[in-house]
Amino acid sequence: MKRDEIIRNFEKQNESVWDLVVIGGGATGLGIAIDSVCRGYKTLLLEQSDFAKSTSSKSTKLVHGGVRYMAQGYIDLVKEACKERGLLLKNAPHLTRNLTFVIPVYSWKDRWMYTIGLKFYDFLAGKLSLGSSYFINKNKTIQHLPTVKKENLKGGIVYHDGQFDDARLALNLAQTAIERGAVVLNYAKVTGLSKDSEGYLNGVDFRDEISGEKYQVKTKAVVNATGVFADDINKMDHGTDKKTISPSQGIHLMIDKKFCPTDSAVMIPKTDDGRVLFAVPWHNKIILGTTDTPVKRESLEPIPSDKEIQFILNTAKNYLNPAPTRADIQSVFAGLRPLAAAEEGQKTKEVSRSHKVLVAPSRLVSIVGGKWTTYRKMAEDTMQKVEETMQWKKTKSNTEHLKIHGYREGTSQDNPMYFYGSDEKYVQELTTNTPYGNEMLSEALNIKKVQVVWAVRNEMAMNVEDVLSRRTRALLLDREEALRIAPEVAEIMAVELGKDQKWVDAQVLEFNRLASIYQ
């Protein structure tokens, strides 16, 4: 996945008309690119920033059916998500795992309510269930969760869901699309849409944000898969301000694993805002989240509020002892959910997480809503709508059992480089072919210098943020450590990209500015 080669491949293919241009390189857009190219369509994907820069790298890292959606009556969504959860764990075993969750219960009423609810959750998963739920007594609950609040504890309910690395999966989806024949570009910002004499879309203009080069693309169909930015593309198409998206902000706190020294996750089923709160082990840290705060303006880097941070800390204090404080937070990150537009008076937590596929008079197909877990089904539904809209011959999606790039069974997440999957041997080979050898960049986060080289040469990393936020997860795991190693990352990248000291200095300055949001 070398960007210069992909640009050359694009320019060669751009001499003829594309079947489909996908705008947006998050989970949904990448899934659509794979589904499209697997159906035999000549496919181009354009992402204005980096893959998964926004929402798709800021999740709770869970591949789940959505326990709380059952209580809201979204049974079909839960059933669909449970199926997709099972498929994803089979198709990308190097990035996913079956994770044990424990719900601590403090009343017998809660015991029976959650037990019955989770048995139904198990039932909805069917053959793709990750394991049955069951009740455990107080002593066993404490064994699972040593720091759980013990006063009035009756026991716990154990159930299973999936976990994954979101940004790494997005990258592997991009690689899968390329291997199948699609052209996939990051830092390619769409600047305009063109139409024929009948008002139907027939072209896309974009600018390469790295070189500044401008391109015109002829295409038969266009899909808007830009998540929270969907209305920007809609306005570019038909010039109206009608909202199809109600963005909602969710933040997460990263804390030391000592606050929950276990391999089990905690699900807290009651919070003041009607959501659930998770404490999830990830990369030897604990993720605490999330919130559900309506926002008026979309942003690639939403800013966590003090109120949101304090809300999570206050909720955790009721369940963890000792409880984390503001001083214990190692990083804070925020993402925006691209929820389908809320009805008047409807709260964001009440808006369905199911997706909608919309078609404009220009034949612009837009996908809104949805969640990471169901990305593949969203892509399938979108492509069916494209074929219907364009009156193309109906084809069948064949992605249900498609192995994602990096596929490797038996991966142990105790291995610091597990997330490379089958690529790990090639990353290791670089240690003998670069001057850095096995030198560590960060002992605390188990990052080697050679991983920076690999990210530039084979994963389209174009700046320090790409490496420290999404190729590795340093910024999300430990802000201070990410800041410490940023200058050395910039130096290594400069050698690989042929950049000068001015570029290095600018990169470090920009990364420092970005990291200020994560504190």
Protein backbone atom coordinates (compact mmCIF):
# COMPACT_ATOMS: atom_id res chain seq x y z
CA MET A 1 0.00 0.00 0.00
CA LYS A 2 2.38 2.64 -1.31
CA ARG A 3 0.71 5.97 -1.96
CA ASP A 4 2.92 7.03 -4.90
CA GLU A 5 2.16 3.77 -6.70
CA ILE A 6 -1.55 4.11 -5.98
CA ILE A 7 -1.57 7.63 -7.42
CA ARG A 8 0.11 6.35 -10.59
CA ASN A 9 -2.40 3.50 -10.79
CA PHE A 10 -5.23 5.98 -10.34
CA GLU A 11 -3.96 8.29 -13.10
CA LYS A 12 -3.69 5.34 -15.47
CA GLN A 13 -7.23 4.11 -14.71
CA ASN A 14 -8.66 7.64 -14.71
CA GLU A 15 -8.34 7.71 -18.48
CA SER A 16 -11.66 5.84 -18.59
CA VAL A 17 -14.92 6.15 -16.64
CA TRP A 18 -15.23 4.71 -13.12
CA ASP A 19 -18.26 2.66 -12.18
CA LEU A 20 -18.37 4.01 -8.65
CA VAL A 21 -16.69 6.74 -6.61
CA VAL A 22 -17.01 6.34 -2.84
CA ILE A 23 -16.52 9.52 -0.82
CA GLY A 24 -15.32 8.79 2.70
CA GLY A 25 -12.63 6.49 4.07
CA GLY A 26 -14.06 5.46 7.41
CA ALA A 27 -15.55 2.08 8.26
CA THR A 28 -18.60 2.49 6.02
CA GLY A 29 -16.83 3.85 2.95
CA LEU A 30 -14.08 1.24 3.09
CA GLY A 31 -16.67 -1.51 3.45
CA ILE A 32 -18.53 -0.18 0.40
CA ALA A 33 -15.31 -0.07 -1.64
CA ILE A 34 -14.69 -3.74 -0.84
CA ASP A 35 -18.26 -4.79 -1.61
CA SER A 36 -18.24 -2.80 -4.85
CA VAL A 37 -14.97 -4.13 -6.21
CA CYS A 38 -15.91 -7.68 -5.20
CA ARG A 39 -19.05 -7.31 -7.35
CA GLY A 40 -16.81 -6.46 -10.30
CA TYR A 41 -17.17 -2.67 -10.38
CA LYS A 42 -14.32 -0.33 -11.17
CA THR A 43 -14.10 1.47 -7.82
CA LEU A 44 -12.39 4.61 -6.50
CA LEU A 45 -12.48 5.71 -2.85
CA LEU A 46 -11.52 9.24 -1.78
CA GLU A 47 -10.87 10.24 1.84
CA GLN A 48 -10.29 13.92 2.69
CA SER A 49 -7.90 13.12 5.56
CA ASP A 50 -6.49 9.81 6.77
CA PHE A 51 -8.40 6.55 6.87
CA ALA A 52 -10.56 6.42 10.03
CA LYS A 53 -9.31 9.87 11.05
CA SER A 54 -12.64 10.81 12.58
CA THR A 55 -15.37 8.61 14.05
CA SER A 56 -13.96 5.27 12.96
CA SER A 57 -10.83 5.48 15.15
CA LYS A 58 -12.57 6.84 18.27
CA SER A 59 -14.89 3.99 19.25
CA THR A 60 -15.06 2.02 22.51
CA LYS A 61 -13.20 -0.76 20.63
CA LEU A 62 -16.17 -3.11 20.93
CA VAL A 63 -17.68 -5.36 18.27
CA HIS A 64 -21.06 -5.79 19.89
CA GLY A 65 -24.71 -6.42 19.30
CA GLY A 66 -25.68 -3.58 21.63
CA VAL A 67 -27.18 -4.86 24.87
CA ARG A 68 -28.89 -1.57 25.67
CA TYR A 69 -30.61 -1.42 22.27
CA MET A 70 -32.82 -4.35 23.33
CA ALA A 71 -34.35 -2.26 26.10
CA GLN A 72 -35.15 0.42 23.50
CA GLY A 73 -36.91 -2.12 21.31
CA TYR A 74 -34.38 -2.27 18.45
CA ILE A 75 -34.46 -6.08 18.30
CA ASP A 76 -33.76 -6.32 14.55
CA LEU A 77 -30.69 -4.10 14.95
CA VAL A 78 -29.37 -6.25 17.79
CA LYS A 79 -29.94 -9.45 15.82
CA GLU A 80 -28.21 -8.00 12.76
CA ALA A 81 -25.29 -6.69 14.84
CA CYS A 82 -24.86 -10.02 16.64
CA LYS A 83 -24.58 -11.77 13.29
CA GLU A 84 -22.09 -9.23 11.95
CA ARG A 85 -20.10 -9.45 15.20
CA GLY A 86 -19.71 -13.18 14.69
CA LEU A 87 -18.68 -12.77 11.05
CA LEU A 88 -16.09 -10.13 11.88
CA LEU A 89 -14.46 -12.28 14.54
CA LYS A 90 -14.16 -15.03 11.93
CA ASN A 91 -12.94 -12.76 9.10
CA ALA A 92 -10.37 -10.75 11.07
CA PRO A 93 -9.21 -12.95 13.97
CA HIS A 94 -5.90 -11.06 14.19
CA LEU A 95 -7.68 -7.87 15.25
CA THR A 96 -10.61 -9.22 17.23
CA ARG A 97 -11.23 -11.32 20.29
CA ASN A 98 -14.02 -12.77 22.37
CA LEU A 99 -14.14 -10.62 25.49
CA THR A 100 -15.76 -11.56 28.81
CA PHE A 101 -17.97 -8.86 30.36
CA VAL A 102 -19.23 -8.72 33.93
CA ILE A 103 -22.21 -6.66 35.09
CA PRO A 104 -21.94 -6.16 38.87
CA VAL A 105 -25.40 -6.36 40.46
CA TYR A 106 -26.42 -4.78 43.74
CA SER A 107 -30.04 -5.93 43.99
CA TRP A 108 -31.84 -9.22 43.35
CA LYS A 109 -34.25 -7.42 41.05
CA ASP A 110 -31.32 -6.39 38.83
CA ARG A 111 -30.00 -9.94 38.90
CA TRP A 112 -33.13 -11.40 37.37
CA MET A 113 -33.71 -8.48 34.97
CA TYR A 114 -30.20 -8.64 33.50
CA THR A 115 -30.08 -12.43 33.49
CA ILE A 116 -33.27 -12.66 31.45
CA GLY A 117 -32.20 -9.82 29.15
CA LEU A 118 -28.82 -11.37 28.42
CA LYS A 119 -30.30 -14.81 27.79
CA PHE A 120 -32.38 -13.15 25.08
CA TYR A 121 -29.17 -11.49 23.81
CA ASP A 122 -27.58 -14.95 23.57
CA PHE A 123 -30.64 -16.23 21.69
CA LEU A 124 -30.46 -13.42 19.11
CA ALA A 125 -26.83 -14.31 18.32
CA GLY A 126 -27.86 -17.84 17.30
CA LYS A 127 -25.08 -20.00 15.87
CA LEU A 128 -22.67 -17.04 15.98
CA SER A 129 -22.97 -16.66 19.75
CA LEU A 130 -19.66 -16.00 21.52
CA GLY A 131 -20.75 -17.83 24.67
CA SER A 132 -23.67 -18.14 27.06
CA SER A 133 -24.37 -15.64 29.82
CA TYR A 134 -24.71 -16.77 33.45
CA PHE A 135 -24.85 -15.50 37.03
CA ILE A 136 -21.86 -15.68 39.38
CA ASN A 137 -21.84 -15.13 43.13
CA LYS A 138 -20.19 -12.29 45.00
CA ASN A 139 -16.85 -14.06 45.53
CA LYS A 140 -16.49 -15.01 41.88
CA THR A 141 -17.47 -11.49 40.84
CA ILE A 142 -14.65 -10.12 43.00
CA GLN A 143 -12.25 -12.65 41.43
CA HIS A 144 -13.21 -11.28 38.00
CA LEU A 145 -13.22 -7.64 39.18
CA PRO A 146 -10.85 -7.19 42.15
CA THR A 147 -11.48 -3.44 42.45
CA VAL A 148 -15.29 -3.53 42.18
CA LYS A 149 -17.23 -1.80 44.96
CA LYS A 150 -18.09 -4.61 47.39
CA GLU A 151 -20.72 -2.96 49.59
CA ASN A 152 -24.15 -4.51 48.89
CA LEU A 153 -22.70 -6.50 45.97
CA LYS A 154 -24.93 -9.51 45.25
CA GLY A 155 -22.92 -11.02 42.42
CA GLY A 156 -22.47 -10.49 38.70
CA ILE A 157 -23.78 -11.47 35.29
CA VAL A 158 -21.17 -12.76 32.86
CA TYR A 159 -21.73 -12.38 29.11
CA HIS A 160 -19.61 -12.20 25.95
CA ASP A 161 -19.06 -9.61 23.24
CA GLY A 162 -16.27 -8.82 20.81
CA GLN A 163 -13.33 -6.43 20.94
CA PHE A 164 -11.21 -5.02 18.11
CA ASP A 165 -8.75 -2.32 17.11
CA ASP A 166 -10.84 0.09 15.04
CA ALA A 167 -8.19 2.12 13.21
CA ARG A 168 -6.13 -0.96 12.40
CA LEU A 169 -9.22 -2.70 10.99
CA ALA A 170 -9.96 0.34 8.83
CA LEU A 171 -6.43 0.18 7.46
CA ASN A 172 -6.78 -3.54 6.76
CA LEU A 173 -10.06 -2.86 4.95
CA ALA A 174 -8.26 -0.34 2.74
CA GLN A 175 -5.59 -2.95 2.00
CA THR A 176 -8.26 -5.56 1.24
CA ALA A 177 -10.00 -3.20 -1.20
CA ILE A 178 -6.69 -2.49 -2.97
CA GLU A 179 -5.84 -6.18 -3.22
CA ARG A 180 -9.20 -6.78 -4.86
CA GLY A 181 -8.55 -4.05 -7.45
CA ALA A 182 -10.01 -0.85 -6.02
CA VAL A 183 -8.10 2.44 -5.94
CA VAL A 184 -8.16 3.85 -2.42
CA LEU A 185 -6.67 7.25 -1.57
CA ASN A 186 -6.24 9.13 1.68
CA TYR A 187 -5.70 12.90 1.73
CA ALA A 188 -7.90 13.28 -1.35
CA LYS A 189 -10.49 15.97 -0.64
CA VAL A 190 -13.59 16.13 -2.84
CA THR A 191 -14.10 19.73 -3.96
CA GLY A 192 -16.96 19.45 -6.42
CA LEU A 193 -19.55 17.28 -8.16
CA SER A 194 -20.53 17.49 -11.82
CA LYS A 195 -23.78 16.53 -13.54
CA ASP A 196 -25.00 15.77 -17.02
CA SER A 197 -27.71 17.68 -18.93
CA GLU A 198 -30.43 15.70 -17.13
CA GLY A 199 -29.11 16.59 -13.68
CA TYR A 200 -27.57 13.22 -12.89
CA LEU A 201 -24.14 12.99 -11.29
CA ASN A 202 -21.38 12.05 -13.71
CA GLY A 203 -18.19 13.32 -12.14
CA VAL A 204 -16.21 14.23 -9.03
CA ASP A 205 -13.45 16.81 -8.56
CA PHE A 206 -10.84 16.32 -5.86
CA ARG A 207 -7.56 17.75 -4.66
CA ASP A 208 -4.57 15.69 -3.56
CA GLU A 209 -3.83 17.32 -0.19
CA ILE A 210 -0.24 16.04 -0.27
CA SER A 211 0.85 17.27 -3.71
CA GLY A 212 -1.79 19.96 -4.30
CA GLU A 213 -2.63 18.36 -7.65
CA LYS A 214 -6.27 18.70 -8.77
CA TYR A 215 -8.11 15.91 -10.56
CA GLN A 216 -11.38 15.45 -12.42
CA VAL A 217 -13.00 12.03 -12.37
CA LYS A 218 -15.76 10.71 -14.61
CA THR A 219 -18.04 8.19 -12.94
CA LYS A 220 -21.36 6.45 -13.39
CA ALA A 221 -22.33 6.51 -9.70
CA VAL A 222 -21.35 8.27 -6.47
CA VAL A 223 -21.80 7.15 -2.86
CA ASN A 224 -21.64 9.63 0.00
CA ALA A 225 -20.20 7.69 2.97
CA THR A 226 -18.73 10.61 4.87
CA GLY A 227 -20.40 9.95 8.23
CA VAL A 228 -20.91 13.13 10.22
CA PHE A 229 -19.91 15.15 7.14
CA ALA A 230 -22.64 13.64 4.93
CA ASP A 231 -24.61 16.88 4.83
CA ASP A 232 -21.58 18.75 3.44
CA ILE A 233 -21.61 16.49 0.38
CA ASN A 234 -25.39 16.70 0.18
CA LYS A 235 -25.16 20.49 0.10
CA MET A 236 -22.49 20.25 -2.60
CA ASP A 237 -24.95 18.12 -4.57
CA HIS A 238 -28.28 19.87 -4.15
CA GLY A 239 -27.51 23.07 -2.26
CA THR A 240 -29.86 22.66 0.69
CA ASP A 241 -29.18 22.82 4.41
CA LYS A 242 -31.61 20.04 5.32
CA LYS A 243 -30.03 17.85 7.99
CA THR A 244 -29.82 14.09 7.58
CA ILE A 245 -27.29 13.72 10.42
CA SER A 246 -27.62 14.41 14.15
CA PRO A 247 -24.02 14.12 15.39
CA SER A 248 -23.55 12.97 18.94
CA GLN A 249 -20.24 13.13 20.80
CA GLY A 250 -18.86 10.24 22.81
CA ILE A 251 -15.67 10.55 24.82
CA HIS A 252 -13.38 7.96 26.39
CA LEU A 253 -10.81 8.15 29.18
CA MET A 254 -7.66 6.03 29.16
CA ILE A 255 -6.45 5.00 32.62
CA ASP A 256 -3.95 2.58 34.13
CA LYS A 257 -4.99 -1.07 34.34
CA LYS A 258 -4.50 -1.03 38.14
CA PHE A 259 -8.00 0.45 38.41
CA CYS A 260 -9.44 -2.75 36.93
CA PRO A 261 -6.65 -5.36 37.03
CA THR A 262 -8.40 -8.06 35.04
CA ASP A 263 -8.89 -9.34 31.52
CA SER A 264 -12.65 -9.00 31.94
CA ALA A 265 -14.55 -5.87 30.96
CA VAL A 266 -17.08 -4.17 33.20
CA MET A 267 -20.48 -3.07 31.94
CA ILE A 268 -22.23 -0.56 34.17
CA PRO A 269 -25.89 -0.68 33.11
CA LYS A 270 -27.19 2.48 34.77
CA THR A 271 -25.82 5.98 34.34
CA ASP A 272 -27.44 9.34 34.98
CA ASP A 273 -27.97 9.97 31.26
CA GLY A 274 -29.59 6.61 30.59
CA ARG A 275 -26.60 5.05 28.83
CA VAL A 276 -24.32 2.25 29.88
CA LEU A 277 -20.69 2.76 30.87
CA PHE A 278 -17.88 0.39 29.97
CA ALA A 279 -14.49 -0.24 31.57
CA VAL A 280 -12.65 -2.20 28.91
CA PRO A 281 -9.10 -3.64 28.99
CA TRP A 282 -7.16 -2.65 25.86
CA HIS A 283 -3.41 -2.63 25.16
CA ASN A 284 -2.70 -3.08 28.89
CA LYS A 285 -4.79 0.00 29.75
CA ILE A 286 -8.45 0.54 30.64
CA ILE A 287 -10.86 2.48 28.44
CA LEU A 288 -13.67 4.19 30.34
CA GLY A 289 -16.59 5.41 28.28
CA THR A 290 -18.73 6.68 26.84
CA THR A 291 -20.96 9.77 26.77
CA ASP A 292 -23.76 10.86 24.45
CA THR A 293 -23.68 14.63 23.94
CA PRO A 294 -25.45 16.36 21.01
CA VAL A 295 -23.17 18.69 19.05
CA LYS A 296 -24.07 21.38 16.54
CA ARG A 297 -20.88 21.42 14.49
CA GLU A 298 -19.00 18.51 12.92
CA SER A 299 -15.25 18.31 13.42
CA LEU A 300 -12.43 15.95 12.49
CA GLU A 301 -11.09 16.44 16.02
CA PRO A 302 -13.95 17.02 18.47
CA ILE A 303 -12.91 18.34 21.89
CA PRO A 304 -13.95 16.56 25.10
CA SER A 305 -15.64 18.83 27.61
CA ASP A 306 -14.81 18.98 31.30
CA LYS A 307 -18.43 18.11 32.02
CA GLU A 308 -18.18 14.88 29.99
CA ILE A 309 -14.92 13.90 31.65
CA GLN A 310 -16.34 14.50 35.12
CA PHE A 311 -19.48 12.55 34.26
CA ILE A 312 -17.45 9.42 33.48
CA LEU A 313 -15.29 9.83 36.59
CA ASN A 314 -18.37 10.33 38.80
CA THR A 315 -20.03 7.22 37.37
CA ALA A 316 -16.89 5.09 37.73
CA LYS A 317 -16.57 6.22 41.35
CA ASN A 318 -19.78 4.37 42.18
CA TYR A 319 -18.34 1.05 41.00
CA LEU A 320 -14.53 1.09 41.28
CA ASN A 321 -12.47 1.28 44.46
CA PRO A 322 -10.05 2.98 44.30
CA ALA A 323 -11.70 5.26 41.77
CA PRO A 324 -9.71 7.13 39.10
CA THR A 325 -9.40 10.90 39.38
CA ARG A 326 -8.60 13.59 36.82
CA ALA A 327 -4.90 13.19 37.60
CA ASP A 328 -5.04 9.49 36.66
CA ILE A 329 -6.21 10.07 33.09
CA GLN A 330 -3.47 9.25 30.59
CA SER A 331 -5.41 10.33 27.50
CA VAL A 332 -8.88 11.52 26.52
CA PHE A 333 -10.31 11.06 23.05
CA ALA A 334 -13.62 12.05 21.51
CA GLY A 335 -15.54 10.85 18.48
CA LEU A 336 -18.78 11.84 16.78
CA ARG A 337 -21.52 9.34 16.03
CA PRO A 338 -23.15 9.91 12.61
CA LEU A 339 -26.68 9.27 13.86
CA ALA A 340 -29.55 9.56 11.42
CA ALA A 341 -31.29 12.90 12.07
CA ALA A 342 -33.26 12.96 15.30
CA GLU A 343 -36.94 13.76 15.34
CA GLU A 344 -38.05 16.88 17.17
CA GLY A 345 -37.67 16.44 20.92
CA GLN A 346 -35.80 13.15 20.56
CA LYS A 347 -32.60 12.69 22.61
CA THR A 348 -29.49 11.32 20.91
CA LYS A 349 -29.47 8.21 23.11
CA GLU A 350 -32.98 7.47 21.81
CA VAL A 351 -32.02 7.70 18.12
CA SER A 352 -31.74 4.30 16.49
CA ARG A 353 -28.20 3.16 15.61
CA SER A 354 -29.55 1.44 12.51
CA HIS A 355 -28.55 2.88 9.15
CA LYS A 356 -30.47 4.51 6.33
CA VAL A 357 -29.65 4.61 2.63
CA LEU A 358 -30.95 7.75 0.93
CA VAL A 359 -31.10 8.65 -2.76
CA ALA A 360 -31.12 12.23 -4.06
CA PRO A 361 -32.70 13.30 -7.38
CA SER A 362 -29.17 13.48 -8.81
CA ARG A 363 -28.76 9.75 -7.99
CA LEU A 364 -26.33 10.55 -5.18
CA VAL A 365 -26.60 7.61 -2.79
CA SER A 366 -25.93 8.52 0.86
CA ILE A 367 -25.52 6.13 3.78
CA VAL A 368 -26.21 7.61 7.22
CA GLY A 369 -26.29 6.21 10.75
CA GLY A 370 -25.10 2.73 11.62
CA LYS A 371 -22.26 1.45 13.79
CA TRP A 372 -18.81 -0.09 13.29
CA THR A 373 -20.02 -3.62 13.98
CA THR A 374 -22.45 -3.56 11.06
CA TYR A 375 -20.13 -1.90 8.52
CA ARG A 376 -20.22 -4.92 6.19
CA LYS A 377 -24.03 -5.13 6.12
CA MET A 378 -24.24 -1.36 5.61
CA ALA A 379 -21.96 -1.72 2.60
CA GLU A 380 -24.06 -4.55 1.19
CA ASP A 381 -27.29 -2.57 1.57
CA THR A 382 -25.69 0.50 0.00
CA MET A 383 -24.49 -1.40 -3.06
CA GLN A 384 -27.92 -2.97 -3.53
CA LYS A 385 -29.37 0.54 -3.54
CA VAL A 386 -26.72 1.72 -6.04
CA GLU A 387 -27.61 -1.11 -8.42
CA GLU A 388 -31.32 -0.37 -8.04
CA THR A 389 -30.84 3.38 -8.54
CA MET A 390 -28.58 2.98 -11.57
CA GLN A 391 -30.73 0.15 -12.98
CA TRP A 392 -27.71 -2.11 -13.14
CA LYS A 393 -28.00 -5.87 -13.23
CA LYS A 394 -28.38 -7.16 -9.68
CA THR A 395 -25.30 -8.87 -8.33
CA LYS A 396 -24.73 -10.70 -5.07
CA SER A 397 -22.43 -9.53 -2.30
CA ASN A 398 -19.78 -12.10 -1.47
CA THR A 399 -18.19 -10.44 1.56
CA GLU A 400 -19.82 -12.48 4.36
CA HIS A 401 -16.85 -14.84 4.55
CA LEU A 402 -14.19 -12.65 2.96
CA LYS A 403 -10.96 -12.79 4.93
CA ILE A 404 -9.63 -9.34 5.76
CA HIS A 405 -6.03 -8.40 4.95
CA GLY A 406 -3.75 -9.57 7.76
CA TYR A 407 -5.93 -12.59 8.53
CA ARG A 408 -4.14 -14.91 10.93
CA GLU A 409 -5.61 -17.38 13.37
CA GLY A 410 -4.25 -18.04 16.82
CA THR A 411 -2.90 -14.54 17.40
CA SER A 412 -2.07 -13.78 21.03
CA GLN A 413 -2.74 -10.23 22.13
CA ASP A 414 0.12 -10.63 24.61
CA ASN A 415 2.29 -10.14 21.53
CA PRO A 416 2.84 -6.34 21.20
CA MET A 417 2.72 -6.66 17.40
CA TYR A 418 -0.34 -8.90 17.21
CA PHE A 419 -2.35 -6.34 15.22
CA TYR A 420 -0.17 -6.78 12.13
CA GLY A 421 -1.50 -10.30 11.72
CA SER A 422 0.13 -12.03 8.74
CA ASP A 423 2.10 -8.84 8.01
CA GLU A 424 4.09 -9.21 11.25
CA LYS A 425 6.77 -11.36 9.59
CA TYR A 426 7.37 -8.63 7.01
CA VAL A 427 7.62 -5.96 9.69
CA GLN A 428 10.12 -8.14 11.52
CA GLU A 429 12.11 -8.62 8.30
CA LEU A 430 12.59 -4.86 8.17
CA THR A 431 14.64 -5.07 11.37
CA THR A 432 17.46 -6.61 9.33
CA ASN A 433 17.05 -4.17 6.43
CA THR A 434 17.03 -0.82 8.24
CA PRO A 435 19.64 0.85 10.44
CA TYR A 436 17.23 0.82 13.39
CA GLY A 437 17.26 -2.94 13.83
CA ASN A 438 15.22 -3.89 16.90
CA GLU A 439 15.63 -0.51 18.58
CA MET A 440 12.67 0.54 20.70
CA LEU A 441 10.94 3.85 20.17
CA SER A 442 8.81 3.45 23.28
CA GLU A 443 9.41 0.80 25.91
CA ALA A 444 6.24 1.83 27.73
CA LEU A 445 4.04 1.23 24.67
CA ASN A 446 6.14 -1.52 23.02
CA ILE A 447 6.68 0.44 19.80
CA LYS A 448 9.76 -0.17 17.66
CA LYS A 449 11.35 2.37 15.34
CA VAL A 450 10.95 -0.04 12.44
CA GLN A 451 7.16 0.27 12.82
CA VAL A 452 7.42 3.88 11.73
CA VAL A 453 9.31 2.82 8.61
CA TRP A 454 6.71 0.16 7.87
CA ALA A 455 3.86 2.65 8.32
CA VAL A 456 5.39 5.03 5.76
CA ARG A 457 6.43 2.41 3.22
CA ASN A 458 3.42 0.11 3.37
CA GLU A 459 0.52 1.80 5.18
CA MET A 460 0.26 5.24 3.56
CA ALA A 461 1.21 7.14 6.73
CA MET A 462 1.92 10.71 5.66
CA ASN A 463 2.51 12.52 8.94
CA VAL A 464 3.35 12.01 12.61
CA GLU A 465 -0.31 11.91 13.62
CA ASP A 466 -1.00 9.04 11.20
CA VAL A 467 1.72 7.00 12.89
CA LEU A 468 1.04 7.87 16.53
CA SER A 469 -2.75 7.95 16.40
CA ARG A 470 -3.77 5.22 13.93
CA ARG A 471 -0.82 3.05 12.72
CA THR A 472 0.13 2.69 16.36
CA ARG A 473 -2.32 3.83 19.04
CA ALA A 474 0.17 5.80 21.13
CA LEU A 475 -1.79 9.07 21.30
CA LEU A 476 -4.94 7.35 22.53
CA LEU A 477 -3.06 5.21 25.05
CA ASP A 478 -0.65 7.67 26.63
CA ARG A 479 -0.60 11.29 25.53
CA GLU A 480 2.61 12.20 27.37
CA GLU A 481 4.52 9.26 25.92
CA ALA A 482 3.26 10.09 22.43
CA LEU A 483 4.50 13.65 22.84
CA ARG A 484 7.87 12.40 24.02
CA ILE A 485 8.49 10.20 20.99
CA ALA A 486 6.93 12.52 18.36
CA PRO A 487 10.22 14.30 17.45
CA GLU A 488 11.98 10.98 16.79
CA VAL A 489 9.02 9.74 14.73
CA ALA A 490 9.23 12.91 12.64
CA GLU A 491 12.97 12.40 12.08
CA ILE A 492 12.47 8.80 10.91
CA MET A 493 9.60 9.81 8.62
CA ALA A 494 11.64 12.67 7.15
CA VAL A 495 14.28 10.21 6.00
CA GLU A 496 11.66 7.94 4.44
CA LEU A 497 9.71 10.75 2.76
CA GLY A 498 12.69 12.87 1.74
CA LYS A 499 11.68 15.81 3.91
CA ASP A 500 13.88 18.50 5.50
CA GLN A 501 14.29 19.83 9.04
CA LYS A 502 11.65 22.48 8.42
CA TRP A 503 9.11 19.71 7.79
CA VAL A 504 10.23 17.91 10.97
CA ASP A 505 9.79 21.03 13.07
CA ALA A 506 6.38 21.76 11.58
CA GLN A 507 5.24 18.19 12.21
CA VAL A 508 6.28 18.24 15.85
CA LEU A 509 4.56 21.60 16.36
CA GLU A 510 1.35 20.35 14.74
CA PHE A 511 1.37 17.14 16.76
CA ASN A 512 1.86 19.07 19.99
CA ARG A 513 -1.17 21.18 19.10
CA LEU A 514 -3.24 18.10 18.36
CA ALA A 515 -2.16 16.33 21.57
CA SER A 516 -3.40 19.26 23.66
CA ILE A 517 -6.95 18.08 22.87
CA TYR A 518 -6.25 14.68 24.43
CA GLN A 519 -5.57 15.88 27.99
